């Protein structure tokens, strides 16, 4: 018995790449009842995934890791920009926690909600290109990708970015198909929002330019007034962030450029290979192998128009990040925007080839990964792997460090908490959010190195005593700047079954003015 949605088609073979004998327009000629049925199925399954992930967040026993705690702290101070990222995620966290509360599950709750929206956008983009059956399976494939399942248990800038990219892909397809102004305006709006999530949204312009260059029949857009909102609205929406950057020495742009680390030896084939290997985990081993194969076929022969569109909005991004990894480094998530289009492309390829067993095996593998990741998040405090691996050491122990700091605050009469580490600052701001004393960042240089040094630097104008909290083995460069510096009892706090952090505390008073 075939899985739901798989039907046998007449196919034409051509040098190893097969495609339906029927045209793509005929794929879209489903009856209204059939289309409504597939849409309802997509909505039901995406909502079930949403419910599962929200329940998993409620059972998640990890602490917020540094990035998450930092984004929460940004949300407490709404602005048009922050040191390392544009502002959209902070605004979203502020909105959700304003309704839900400040617990870890609430801070992360936006993630599965936004992925639910991204899955719907993937459905409608695939439906427009190939029909509702491909739309349903594409939405399911995208929403169960290993990278998406992992990211759904966290809150990061990639999540709103992927929603905006998926929505932009839908608007781009609809604009080319219908030439309606609403899709041109929608395209400009979601690109602008995406830029406010993460500057990687700019890759969309590169993909669109490449597509228009390689697709003569789509070049009408270059001569049409509809291209104006698609280009001007993003500029208008990112303008407040650019103004914020200008007022703050272009810190975010400088940080983004520094993240690329184009210095020293500019040839790292090992890092390029590592990045490529990681994509088999992010997108899934079967799907990424097929994506590479389809990309190879595109070099040898012309693909159907819809396939070529999706290929251009996925593979060039991956190739660009592979080049970045070759020159310096790249994190596994840096090519994330490639995968909404890639999920549609590979899904329809599997459907048209009628490779039911391979499709089912891949989907089952991804569903298993989703369940395993959720179970691991629940078991994280006791999860031990062979050797000295502690997979959750970045996400455990922070609450206990904050509790240790709280005990010292209760025992003394400190006027503020001081720290020189942005990780510690972010975690203490979150886990001591009910503390009555402010937290300030030690700023040794005139130029701030992180958002806390920018917005809450220690200036020495407050009377002591101050409580210094640090993970560093030596902080003489701080303690010698005070007339009185007394080291309090340190604590060793577990950050997993096999790892720990030694936290040191100092009572400081009498800041010496240079």
Protein backbone atom coordinates (compact mmCIF):
# COMPACT_ATOMS: atom_id res chain seq x y z
CA UNK A 1 0.00 0.00 0.00
CA UNK A 2 1.42 3.41 -0.98
CA UNK A 3 1.86 6.13 1.64
CA UNK A 4 -0.68 8.93 1.45
CA UNK A 5 -0.03 11.27 -1.45
CA UNK A 6 2.12 9.00 -3.60
CA UNK A 7 0.64 8.17 -6.98
CA UNK A 8 2.31 6.45 -9.85
CA UNK A 9 3.04 8.73 -12.85
CA UNK A 10 4.10 8.17 -16.40
CA UNK A 11 7.71 9.35 -16.62
CA UNK A 12 10.23 10.14 -19.31
CA UNK A 13 13.88 9.21 -18.72
CA UNK A 14 16.60 11.58 -19.82
CA UNK A 15 20.22 10.80 -18.93
CA UNK A 16 19.37 9.66 -15.42
CA UNK A 17 17.12 12.61 -14.52
CA UNK A 18 13.45 11.70 -14.83
CA UNK A 19 10.49 13.98 -14.69
CA UNK A 20 6.74 13.66 -15.23
CA UNK A 21 5.47 13.55 -18.75
CA UNK A 22 2.67 15.89 -17.65
CA UNK A 23 3.47 19.58 -17.39
CA UNK A 24 3.75 21.45 -14.10
CA UNK A 25 0.60 23.44 -14.92
CA UNK A 26 -1.31 20.17 -14.99
CA UNK A 27 0.12 19.33 -11.59
CA UNK A 28 -1.64 22.44 -10.32
CA UNK A 29 -4.94 21.43 -11.86
CA UNK A 30 -6.21 19.65 -8.75
CA UNK A 31 -9.88 19.95 -8.01
CA UNK A 32 -10.90 22.54 -5.40
CA UNK A 33 -11.91 19.74 -3.04
CA UNK A 34 -8.51 18.08 -3.38
CA UNK A 35 -6.68 21.35 -2.82
CA UNK A 36 -8.73 22.10 0.30
CA UNK A 37 -8.08 18.58 1.57
CA UNK A 38 -4.31 18.91 1.22
CA UNK A 39 -4.38 22.35 2.83
CA UNK A 40 -6.37 21.03 5.77
CA UNK A 41 -3.94 18.13 6.19
CA UNK A 42 -1.00 20.52 6.14
CA UNK A 43 -2.62 22.77 8.74
CA UNK A 44 -3.47 19.82 11.00
CA UNK A 45 -0.01 18.24 10.84
CA UNK A 46 1.83 21.54 11.31
CA UNK A 47 -0.39 22.32 14.28
CA UNK A 48 0.28 18.88 15.78
CA UNK A 49 4.02 19.52 15.40
CA UNK A 50 3.54 22.90 17.07
CA UNK A 51 1.70 21.32 20.00
CA UNK A 52 4.40 18.66 20.36
CA UNK A 53 7.18 21.25 20.39
CA UNK A 54 5.42 23.52 22.87
CA UNK A 55 4.93 20.52 25.16
CA UNK A 56 8.62 19.62 24.70
CA UNK A 57 9.58 23.15 25.74
CA UNK A 58 7.53 22.78 28.92
CA UNK A 59 9.49 19.59 29.72
CA UNK A 60 12.87 20.98 28.63
CA UNK A 61 15.28 21.01 31.62
CA UNK A 62 18.13 23.03 30.11
CA UNK A 63 19.03 26.54 31.20
CA UNK A 64 19.03 29.34 28.67
CA UNK A 65 22.38 29.38 26.94
CA UNK A 66 24.28 32.63 26.54
CA UNK A 67 22.73 33.76 23.24
CA UNK A 68 19.20 33.12 24.48
CA UNK A 69 19.78 34.95 27.76
CA UNK A 70 21.34 37.83 25.87
CA UNK A 71 18.36 38.12 23.53
CA UNK A 72 16.03 38.12 26.55
CA UNK A 73 18.06 40.94 28.11
CA UNK A 74 17.79 42.91 24.88
CA UNK A 75 14.02 42.47 24.96
CA UNK A 76 13.96 44.34 28.30
CA UNK A 77 15.42 47.41 26.56
CA UNK A 78 13.59 47.82 23.22
CA UNK A 79 15.74 49.55 20.62
CA UNK A 80 16.28 49.68 16.86
CA UNK A 81 19.56 47.82 17.15
CA UNK A 82 21.87 45.86 19.40
CA UNK A 83 25.59 45.21 19.44
CA UNK A 84 25.66 42.00 17.38
CA UNK A 85 22.23 41.68 15.75
CA UNK A 86 19.31 43.70 14.35
CA UNK A 87 16.30 44.11 16.67
CA UNK A 88 13.48 41.86 15.42
CA UNK A 89 14.12 38.85 17.66
CA UNK A 90 14.32 41.00 20.78
CA UNK A 91 10.97 42.57 19.90
CA UNK A 92 9.42 39.13 19.38
CA UNK A 93 10.73 37.84 22.72
CA UNK A 94 9.41 40.94 24.44
CA UNK A 95 5.98 40.42 22.88
CA UNK A 96 5.76 36.71 23.76
CA UNK A 97 7.12 37.00 27.30
CA UNK A 98 4.80 39.95 27.92
CA UNK A 99 1.94 37.49 27.46
CA UNK A 100 3.47 34.23 28.65
CA UNK A 101 6.00 35.22 31.31
CA UNK A 102 9.78 35.07 31.60
CA UNK A 103 10.34 31.35 32.18
CA UNK A 104 12.67 29.47 29.84
CA UNK A 105 9.77 27.84 27.97
CA UNK A 106 8.16 31.24 27.38
CA UNK A 107 11.41 32.84 26.20
CA UNK A 108 11.74 30.01 23.66
CA UNK A 109 8.03 29.73 22.79
CA UNK A 110 8.30 32.01 19.75
CA UNK A 111 10.54 29.46 18.03
CA UNK A 112 7.96 26.69 17.35
CA UNK A 113 5.33 29.34 16.63
CA UNK A 114 7.48 30.97 13.95
CA UNK A 115 8.39 27.60 12.46
CA UNK A 116 4.67 26.83 12.24
CA UNK A 117 4.32 29.96 10.11
CA UNK A 118 7.37 29.08 8.03
CA UNK A 119 5.91 25.63 7.36
CA UNK A 120 2.70 27.21 6.04
CA UNK A 121 4.70 29.49 3.74
CA UNK A 122 6.61 26.48 2.43
CA UNK A 123 3.29 24.75 1.77
CA UNK A 124 1.87 27.61 -0.27
CA UNK A 125 5.11 28.17 -2.21
CA UNK A 126 5.27 24.46 -3.11
CA UNK A 127 1.57 24.43 -3.96
CA UNK A 128 2.06 27.33 -6.36
CA UNK A 129 4.96 25.57 -8.09
CA UNK A 130 3.90 21.93 -8.10
CA UNK A 131 0.43 21.54 -6.61
CA UNK A 132 -1.10 20.86 -3.18
CA UNK A 133 0.24 17.32 -2.81
CA UNK A 134 3.83 18.52 -3.06
CA UNK A 135 2.85 21.44 -0.84
CA UNK A 136 1.75 19.12 1.94
CA UNK A 137 4.81 16.89 1.85
CA UNK A 138 7.20 19.84 1.46
CA UNK A 139 5.76 21.52 4.56
CA UNK A 140 6.11 18.28 6.49
CA UNK A 141 9.65 17.66 5.25
CA UNK A 142 10.79 21.20 6.05
CA UNK A 143 9.17 21.23 9.49
CA UNK A 144 10.85 17.96 10.50
CA UNK A 145 14.35 18.74 9.21
CA UNK A 146 16.92 17.88 11.91
CA UNK A 147 18.12 21.49 11.97
CA UNK A 148 14.56 22.76 12.43
CA UNK A 149 13.84 20.25 15.20
CA UNK A 150 17.01 21.27 17.04
CA UNK A 151 16.33 24.99 16.53
CA UNK A 152 12.73 24.64 17.73
CA UNK A 153 14.00 23.94 21.24
CA UNK A 154 15.96 27.22 21.30
CA UNK A 155 15.37 30.84 20.46
CA UNK A 156 17.72 32.36 17.91
CA UNK A 157 17.80 34.91 15.09
CA UNK A 158 17.63 32.08 12.54
CA UNK A 159 13.99 31.39 13.43
CA UNK A 160 12.40 34.72 12.39
CA UNK A 161 14.90 34.82 9.51
CA UNK A 162 13.61 31.50 8.15
CA UNK A 163 10.00 32.62 8.48
CA UNK A 164 10.76 35.81 6.55
CA UNK A 165 12.78 33.92 3.91
CA UNK A 166 9.99 31.35 3.42
CA UNK A 167 7.43 34.15 3.13
CA UNK A 168 9.68 36.00 0.66
CA UNK A 169 10.06 32.84 -1.44
CA UNK A 170 6.27 32.50 -1.53
CA UNK A 171 5.83 36.16 -2.49
CA UNK A 172 8.52 35.87 -5.20
CA UNK A 173 6.85 32.84 -6.78
CA UNK A 174 3.41 34.45 -6.65
CA UNK A 175 4.71 37.74 -8.06
CA UNK A 176 6.26 35.99 -11.05
CA UNK A 177 3.11 33.94 -11.62
CA UNK A 178 0.42 36.61 -11.12
CA UNK A 179 2.21 39.99 -11.49
CA UNK A 180 -0.03 41.33 -8.74
CA UNK A 181 0.99 44.38 -6.76
CA UNK A 182 0.10 42.78 -3.42
CA UNK A 183 2.83 40.19 -3.87
CA UNK A 184 5.39 42.87 -4.77
CA UNK A 185 4.47 44.81 -1.64
CA UNK A 186 4.46 41.65 0.46
CA UNK A 187 7.87 40.70 -0.91
CA UNK A 188 9.34 44.04 0.11
CA UNK A 189 7.77 43.88 3.58
CA UNK A 190 9.02 40.39 4.47
CA UNK A 191 12.51 41.06 3.09
CA UNK A 192 12.64 44.20 5.24
CA UNK A 193 11.51 42.28 8.31
CA UNK A 194 14.05 39.57 7.51
CA UNK A 195 16.86 42.12 7.40
CA UNK A 196 15.76 43.21 10.87
CA UNK A 197 16.08 39.59 11.98
CA UNK A 198 19.52 38.92 10.49
CA UNK A 199 21.52 40.55 7.73
CA UNK A 200 21.76 37.16 5.98
CA UNK A 201 18.35 38.03 4.50
CA UNK A 202 20.36 40.03 1.94
CA UNK A 203 21.21 36.72 0.27
CA UNK A 204 17.68 36.85 -1.13
CA UNK A 205 18.67 39.79 -3.36
CA UNK A 206 21.64 37.80 -4.67
CA UNK A 207 19.48 34.76 -5.45
CA UNK A 208 16.81 36.90 -7.11
CA UNK A 209 19.40 38.68 -9.25
CA UNK A 210 20.91 35.36 -10.29
CA UNK A 211 17.48 33.97 -11.18
CA UNK A 212 16.59 36.99 -13.33
CA UNK A 213 19.97 36.76 -15.06
CA UNK A 214 19.43 33.10 -15.96
CA UNK A 215 15.69 33.33 -16.76
CA UNK A 216 14.92 35.65 -19.70
CA UNK A 217 11.14 35.26 -19.45
CA UNK A 218 11.23 36.61 -15.86
CA UNK A 219 13.13 39.78 -16.78
CA UNK A 220 9.88 41.67 -17.29
CA UNK A 221 10.17 42.44 -13.59
CA UNK A 222 13.27 44.56 -14.21
CA UNK A 223 11.24 46.90 -16.43
CA UNK A 224 8.10 46.86 -14.28
CA UNK A 225 7.10 49.29 -11.51
CA UNK A 226 6.42 46.32 -9.21
CA UNK A 227 10.13 46.01 -8.63
CA UNK A 228 10.09 49.31 -6.71
CA UNK A 229 8.30 48.18 -3.51
CA UNK A 230 10.31 44.96 -3.55
CA UNK A 231 13.49 47.03 -3.30
CA UNK A 232 12.44 50.23 -1.54
CA UNK A 233 10.40 48.73 1.31
CA UNK A 234 13.35 46.66 2.64
CA UNK A 235 15.49 49.80 2.67
CA UNK A 236 12.75 51.72 4.48
CA UNK A 237 12.29 49.00 7.10
CA UNK A 238 16.01 48.54 7.82
CA UNK A 239 16.65 52.30 7.88
CA UNK A 240 16.02 52.72 11.66
CA UNK A 241 18.60 50.00 12.34
CA UNK A 242 21.08 51.70 10.01
CA UNK A 243 20.51 54.99 11.85
CA UNK A 244 21.09 53.21 15.17
CA UNK A 245 24.31 51.78 13.77
CA UNK A 246 25.44 55.20 12.60
CA UNK A 247 24.77 56.63 16.06
CA UNK A 248 26.79 53.81 17.66
CA UNK A 249 29.80 53.59 15.38
CA UNK A 250 28.27 50.91 13.10
CA UNK A 251 28.82 48.31 15.82
CA UNK A 252 26.49 45.63 14.42
CA UNK A 253 27.90 45.88 10.92
CA UNK A 254 31.45 45.80 12.28
CA UNK A 255 30.64 42.77 14.45
CA UNK A 256 29.08 40.97 11.47
CA UNK A 257 32.19 41.64 9.39
CA UNK A 258 34.46 40.54 12.24
CA UNK A 259 32.48 37.30 12.53
CA UNK A 260 33.76 36.32 9.09
CA UNK A 261 37.34 36.46 10.44
CA UNK A 262 39.02 37.21 7.13
CA UNK A 263 42.48 37.46 8.61
CA UNK A 264 45.53 35.25 8.91
CA UNK A 265 45.73 32.20 6.66
CA UNK A 266 42.91 32.39 4.12
CA UNK A 267 42.73 28.78 3.04
CA UNK A 268 41.06 26.16 5.23
CA UNK A 269 39.87 23.17 3.17
CA UNK A 270 39.31 21.21 6.37
CA UNK A 271 36.77 23.77 7.57
CA UNK A 272 35.00 23.77 4.21
CA UNK A 273 34.70 19.99 4.34
CA UNK A 274 33.53 20.17 7.96
CA UNK A 275 30.83 22.65 7.02
CA UNK A 276 29.64 20.44 4.16
CA UNK A 277 29.59 17.41 6.43
CA UNK A 278 27.50 19.35 8.97
CA UNK A 279 24.88 20.04 6.29
CA UNK A 280 24.12 16.33 6.11
CA UNK A 281 23.07 16.67 9.75
CA UNK A 282 21.20 19.98 9.34
CA UNK A 283 19.22 19.04 6.22
CA UNK A 284 19.33 15.27 6.65
CA UNK A 285 21.67 12.76 4.99
CA UNK A 286 19.27 11.58 2.29
CA UNK A 287 17.95 15.03 1.40
CA UNK A 288 21.32 16.75 1.28
CA UNK A 289 22.81 14.00 -0.89
CA UNK A 290 19.86 14.36 -3.29
CA UNK A 291 20.22 18.15 -3.31
CA UNK A 292 23.87 17.83 -4.31
CA UNK A 293 22.92 15.33 -7.02
CA UNK A 294 20.22 17.63 -8.43
CA UNK A 295 22.72 20.48 -8.40
CA UNK A 296 25.17 18.31 -10.35
CA UNK A 297 22.48 17.43 -12.88
CA UNK A 298 21.74 21.13 -13.36
CA UNK A 299 25.30 21.62 -14.61
CA UNK A 300 24.75 19.00 -17.31
CA UNK A 301 21.25 19.75 -18.60
CA UNK A 302 18.38 22.19 -18.34
CA UNK A 303 16.00 21.55 -15.45
CA UNK A 304 12.29 22.43 -15.37
CA UNK A 305 11.71 26.10 -14.59
CA UNK A 306 10.37 25.50 -11.09
CA UNK A 307 13.29 23.24 -10.23
CA UNK A 308 15.76 25.84 -11.46
CA UNK A 309 14.10 28.58 -9.38
CA UNK A 310 14.36 26.52 -6.21
CA UNK A 311 17.90 25.46 -6.99
CA UNK A 312 18.96 29.10 -7.41
CA UNK A 313 17.39 30.01 -4.07
CA UNK A 314 19.27 27.26 -2.24
CA UNK A 315 22.52 25.92 -3.70
CA UNK A 316 24.24 29.31 -4.30
CA UNK A 317 23.79 30.16 -0.62
CA UNK A 318 25.42 26.88 0.39
CA UNK A 319 28.23 27.46 -2.12
CA UNK A 320 28.77 30.97 -0.75
CA UNK A 321 29.10 29.70 2.82
CA UNK A 322 31.40 26.88 1.71
CA UNK A 323 33.60 29.61 0.24
CA UNK A 324 33.45 31.51 3.53
CA UNK A 325 34.45 28.34 5.40
CA UNK A 326 37.32 27.79 2.97
CA UNK A 327 38.62 31.31 3.61
CA UNK A 328 38.06 31.34 7.35
CA UNK A 329 35.23 29.50 9.12
CA UNK A 330 31.48 28.93 9.00
CA UNK A 331 28.95 27.69 11.51
CA UNK A 332 26.58 24.91 10.49
CA UNK A 333 23.53 27.21 10.60
CA UNK A 334 24.92 29.91 8.31
CA UNK A 335 23.31 28.35 5.23
CA UNK A 336 19.93 27.83 6.91
CA UNK A 337 18.07 30.07 4.45
CA UNK A 338 18.87 27.60 1.66
CA UNK A 339 16.59 24.94 3.07
CA UNK A 340 13.01 26.21 2.55
CA UNK A 341 13.57 26.12 -1.23
CA UNK A 342 15.71 22.99 -1.02
CA UNK A 343 13.02 21.15 0.96
CA UNK A 344 10.46 21.83 -1.77
CA UNK A 345 12.86 20.88 -4.56
CA UNK A 346 13.99 17.58 -3.05
CA UNK A 347 10.47 16.64 -1.92
CA UNK A 348 8.97 17.07 -5.36
CA UNK A 349 11.91 15.19 -6.89
CA UNK A 350 11.24 12.21 -4.61
CA UNK A 351 7.53 12.34 -5.37
CA UNK A 352 7.93 12.51 -9.13
CA UNK A 353 10.46 9.66 -9.08
CA UNK A 354 8.04 7.68 -6.91
CA UNK A 355 10.87 6.75 -4.54
CA UNK A 356 8.48 5.90 -1.74
CA UNK A 357 10.86 3.79 0.34
CA UNK A 358 13.61 6.41 0.34
CA UNK A 359 11.16 9.21 1.12
CA UNK A 360 9.58 7.24 3.96
CA UNK A 361 12.96 6.28 5.41
CA UNK A 362 14.15 9.90 5.36
CA UNK A 363 10.96 11.22 6.95
CA UNK A 364 11.04 8.49 9.61
CA UNK A 365 14.68 9.28 10.37
CA UNK A 366 13.85 12.95 10.82
CA UNK A 367 10.83 12.19 13.00
CA UNK A 368 13.06 9.98 15.16
CA UNK A 369 15.61 12.79 15.44
CA UNK A 370 12.86 15.19 16.52
CA UNK A 371 11.74 12.84 19.30
CA UNK A 372 15.34 12.11 20.32
CA UNK A 373 16.22 15.80 20.55
CA UNK A 374 13.16 16.51 22.70
CA UNK A 375 13.96 13.56 24.98
CA UNK A 376 17.58 14.67 25.26
CA UNK A 377 16.50 18.18 26.27
CA UNK A 378 14.46 16.64 29.09
CA UNK A 379 17.27 14.29 30.18
CA UNK A 380 20.03 16.88 29.70
CA UNK A 381 21.13 17.24 33.37
CA UNK A 382 21.97 13.53 33.54
CA UNK A 383 22.80 12.88 29.88
CA UNK A 384 26.31 11.44 29.59
CA UNK A 385 28.01 10.29 26.41
CA UNK A 386 31.09 8.06 26.09
CA UNK A 387 34.41 9.75 26.74
CA UNK A 388 34.39 13.24 28.23
CA UNK A 389 31.62 14.58 26.01
CA UNK A 390 29.01 16.74 27.72
CA UNK A 391 26.69 17.84 24.90
CA UNK A 392 24.73 20.29 27.08
CA UNK A 393 27.57 21.93 28.99
CA UNK A 394 26.76 25.32 27.42
CA UNK A 395 23.15 25.05 28.65
CA UNK A 396 23.53 23.76 32.20
CA UNK A 397 24.71 25.18 35.49
CA UNK A 398 23.85 28.84 34.90
CA UNK A 399 20.87 28.86 37.26
CA UNK A 400 23.10 27.39 39.99
CA UNK A 401 25.74 30.05 39.39
CA UNK A 402 23.07 32.71 39.77
CA UNK A 403 21.85 31.05 42.99
CA UNK A 404 25.40 31.13 44.37
CA UNK A 405 25.64 34.82 43.53
CA UNK A 406 22.25 35.41 45.16
CA UNK A 407 23.43 33.83 48.41
CA UNK A 408 26.34 36.24 48.55
CA UNK A 409 24.08 39.18 47.74
CA UNK A 410 21.84 38.18 50.63
CA UNK A 411 24.81 37.88 52.97
CA UNK A 412 26.22 41.33 52.18
CA UNK A 413 25.09 44.84 51.38
CA UNK A 414 26.33 45.09 47.82
CA UNK A 415 25.34 48.01 45.64
CA UNK A 416 25.87 46.26 42.31
CA UNK A 417 27.08 43.08 40.60
CA UNK A 418 30.15 43.42 38.42
CA UNK A 419 31.36 40.99 35.77
CA UNK A 420 33.88 41.10 32.95
CA UNK A 421 32.41 38.23 30.90
CA UNK A 422 29.46 38.71 28.55
CA UNK A 423 28.35 35.09 29.07
CA UNK A 424 28.15 35.59 32.83
CA UNK A 425 26.52 38.99 32.37
CA UNK A 426 23.75 37.61 30.17
CA UNK A 427 23.05 34.62 32.41
CA UNK A 428 23.01 36.67 35.63
CA UNK A 429 20.76 39.29 34.09
CA UNK A 430 18.25 36.55 33.32
CA UNK A 431 18.52 34.33 36.39
CA UNK A 432 18.83 37.27 38.81
CA UNK A 433 16.13 39.29 37.08
CA UNK A 434 14.36 39.80 40.39
CA UNK A 435 17.50 41.09 42.15
CA UNK A 436 17.33 44.65 43.39
CA UNK A 437 20.90 45.58 42.57
CA UNK A 438 22.01 46.44 39.02
CA UNK A 439 24.52 44.43 37.01
CA UNK A 440 27.33 46.33 35.29
CA UNK A 441 30.03 45.21 32.88
CA UNK A 442 33.74 45.86 33.37
CA UNK A 443 34.92 47.81 30.33
CA UNK A 444 38.72 47.88 30.05
CA UNK A 445 38.86 49.63 26.68
CA UNK A 446 37.30 52.79 25.28
CA UNK A 447 35.66 50.73 22.50
CA UNK A 448 32.94 48.34 23.76
CA UNK A 449 33.44 44.65 22.98
CA UNK A 450 29.84 43.55 23.57
CA UNK A 451 26.35 44.91 24.19
CA UNK A 452 26.74 45.00 27.96
CA UNK A 453 29.92 47.07 27.79
CA UNK A 454 28.01 49.40 25.46
CA UNK A 455 24.82 49.82 27.49
CA UNK A 456 25.80 49.16 31.14
CA UNK A 457 29.53 49.88 31.61
CA UNK A 458 31.01 50.20 35.10
CA UNK A 459 32.18 53.80 35.45
CA UNK A 460 33.25 53.78 39.10
CA UNK A 461 30.83 56.49 40.19
CA UNK A 462 28.79 54.19 42.46
CA UNK A 463 29.73 53.63 46.07
CA UNK A 464 30.63 50.10 47.12
CA UNK A 465 30.83 47.43 48.09
CA UNK A 466 30.45 45.64 44.75
CA UNK A 467 30.17 41.89 44.13
CA UNK A 468 32.44 40.68 41.34
CA UNK A 469 31.38 37.37 39.75
CA UNK A 470 33.88 35.74 37.40
CA UNK A 471 34.87 32.45 35.80
CA UNK A 472 38.42 33.60 35.08
CA UNK A 473 41.32 32.13 37.05
CA UNK A 474 42.86 35.59 37.43
CA UNK A 475 41.23 39.02 37.57
CA UNK A 476 44.12 41.03 38.97
CA UNK A 477 43.58 43.63 36.27
CA UNK A 478 40.25 44.37 37.99
CA UNK A 479 40.99 43.87 41.68
CA UNK A 480 44.07 46.15 41.62
CA UNK A 481 41.80 49.01 40.57
CA UNK A 482 40.14 48.95 44.01
CA UNK A 483 41.47 49.94 47.41
CA UNK A 484 39.79 46.93 48.99
CA UNK A 485 39.44 43.57 47.23
CA UNK A 486 38.50 40.51 49.26
CA UNK A 487 38.09 37.13 47.63
CA UNK A 488 35.08 35.28 48.98
CA UNK A 489 34.60 31.53 49.00
CA UNK A 490 34.52 30.19 45.44
CA UNK A 491 32.25 27.40 44.22
CA UNK A 492 32.60 24.61 41.69
CA UNK A 493 29.29 24.13 39.90
CA UNK A 494 28.43 21.26 37.57
CA UNK A 495 27.60 22.09 33.96
CA UNK A 496 26.77 18.49 33.11
CA UNK A 497 27.57 14.99 34.37
CA UNK A 498 31.23 15.34 33.34
CA UNK A 499 31.96 19.08 33.28
CA UNK A 500 32.01 21.93 35.76
CA UNK A 501 32.75 25.63 36.19
CA UNK A 502 34.69 27.24 39.01
CA UNK A 503 33.04 30.50 39.98
CA UNK A 504 34.96 33.10 41.97
CA UNK A 505 33.48 35.96 43.98
CA UNK A 506 35.13 39.15 45.21
CA UNK A 507 33.96 41.99 47.42
CA UNK A 508 35.29 45.24 45.95
CA UNK A 509 35.27 48.77 47.35
CA UNK A 510 37.05 52.04 46.82
CA UNK A 511 37.45 52.30 43.07
CA UNK A 512 40.68 54.06 42.13
CA UNK A 513 40.16 56.79 39.58
CA UNK A 514 42.98 56.96 37.06
